[in-house]
C-alpha atoms as a PDB file:
ATOM      1  CA  MET A   1     153.350 193.917 -83.269  1.00  0.00           C
ATOM      2  CA  GLY A   2     150.315 193.685 -80.897  1.00  0.00           C
ATOM      3  CA  ALA A   3     150.405 194.256 -76.830  1.00  0.00           C
ATOM      4  CA  LEU A   4     151.155 190.349 -76.536  1.00  0.00           C
ATOM      5  CA  ASP A   5     154.269 189.791 -78.814  1.00  0.00           C
ATOM      6  CA  GLY A   6     156.744 186.931 -77.002  1.00  0.00           C
ATOM      7  CA  ILE A   7     153.604 185.556 -74.918  1.00  0.00           C
ATOM      8  CA  ARG A   8     152.800 181.560 -75.495  1.00  0.00           C
ATOM      9  CA  VAL A   9     148.700 181.282 -74.579  1.00  0.00           C
ATOM     10  CA  LEU A  10     147.918 177.445 -74.297  1.00  0.00           C
ATOM     11  CA  GLU A  11     144.612 176.742 -74.952  1.00  0.00           C
ATOM     12  CA  LEU A  12     142.459 173.497 -72.949  1.00  0.00           C
ATOM     13  CA  GLY A  13     139.174 174.645 -72.802  1.00  0.00           C
ATOM     14  CA  GLN A  14     135.920 173.355 -75.193  1.00  0.00           C
ATOM     15  CA  MET A  15     133.167 175.488 -74.308  1.00  0.00           C
ATOM     16  CA  TRP A  16     132.178 177.522 -77.188  1.00  0.00           C
ATOM     17  CA  ALA A  17     133.562 180.827 -75.998  1.00  0.00           C
ATOM     18  CA  VAL A  18     137.017 179.242 -75.144  1.00  0.00           C
ATOM     19  CA  PRO A  19     137.506 180.125 -79.356  1.00  0.00           C
ATOM     20  CA  GLY A  20     137.042 183.190 -79.274  1.00  0.00           C
ATOM     21  CA  ALA A  21     138.903 184.067 -76.402  1.00  0.00           C
ATOM     22  CA  GLY A  22     141.981 182.538 -77.873  1.00  0.00           C
ATOM     23  CA  MET A  23     141.498 183.911 -81.364  1.00  0.00           C
ATOM     24  CA  TYR A  24     141.308 187.961 -78.981  1.00  0.00           C
ATOM     25  CA  LEU A  25     144.943 187.092 -77.414  1.00  0.00           C
ATOM     26  CA  GLY A  26     146.272 186.082 -80.981  1.00  0.00           C
ATOM     27  CA  ASP A  27     144.414 188.852 -82.453  1.00  0.00           C
ATOM     28  CA  GLN A  28     146.871 191.357 -79.914  1.00  0.00           C
ATOM     29  CA  GLY A  29     149.564 189.290 -80.787  1.00  0.00           C
ATOM     30  CA  ALA A  30     149.800 185.814 -78.815  1.00  0.00           C
ATOM     31  CA  GLU A  31     150.574 182.643 -79.768  1.00  0.00           C
ATOM     32  CA  ILE A  32     148.047 180.382 -79.602  1.00  0.00           C
ATOM     33  CA  ILE A  33     148.151 176.346 -78.893  1.00  0.00           C
ATOM     34  CA  LYS A  34     144.922 174.636 -78.819  1.00  0.00           C
ATOM     35  CA  VAL A  35     144.638 171.106 -76.956  1.00  0.00           C
ATOM     36  CA  GLU A  36     142.139 169.315 -78.739  1.00  0.00           C
ATOM     37  CA  PRO A  37     141.152 165.460 -77.599  1.00  0.00           C
ATOM     38  CA  PRO A  38     142.201 162.496 -80.305  1.00  0.00           C
ATOM     39  CA  TRP A  39     138.028 162.782 -81.124  1.00  0.00           C
ATOM     40  CA  GLY A  40     138.074 166.653 -82.120  1.00  0.00           C
ATOM     41  CA  ASP A  41     136.176 169.965 -80.665  1.00  0.00           C
ATOM     42  CA  GLU A  42     132.941 168.474 -79.642  1.00  0.00           C
ATOM     43  CA  ASP A  43     132.102 172.628 -80.515  1.00  0.00           C
ATOM     44  CA  ALA A  44     133.292 172.065 -84.594  1.00  0.00           C
ATOM     45  CA  GLY A  45     130.615 172.826 -86.723  1.00  0.00           C
ATOM     46  CA  ASN A  46     127.721 173.188 -84.309  1.00  0.00           C
ATOM     47  CA  PRO A  47     125.394 175.773 -85.586  1.00  0.00           C
ATOM     48  CA  ARG A  48     125.252 177.271 -82.674  1.00  0.00           C
ATOM     49  CA  LYS A  49     128.459 178.270 -82.239  1.00  0.00           C
ATOM     50  CA  ALA A  50     128.347 182.164 -83.806  1.00  0.00           C
ATOM     51  CA  VAL A  51     131.416 182.941 -85.822  1.00  0.00           C
END
């Protein structure tokens, strides 16, 4: 059980820090719903993006 159990987060961001924030909230128990444009996340596969 996390501190954010039962919380739903709508992730609309497209900058490199946003996925990290969503991951952190998910680790705390929130349900993350990521919304992307039809052509996909522009940072996906970007080599400068830290994993």
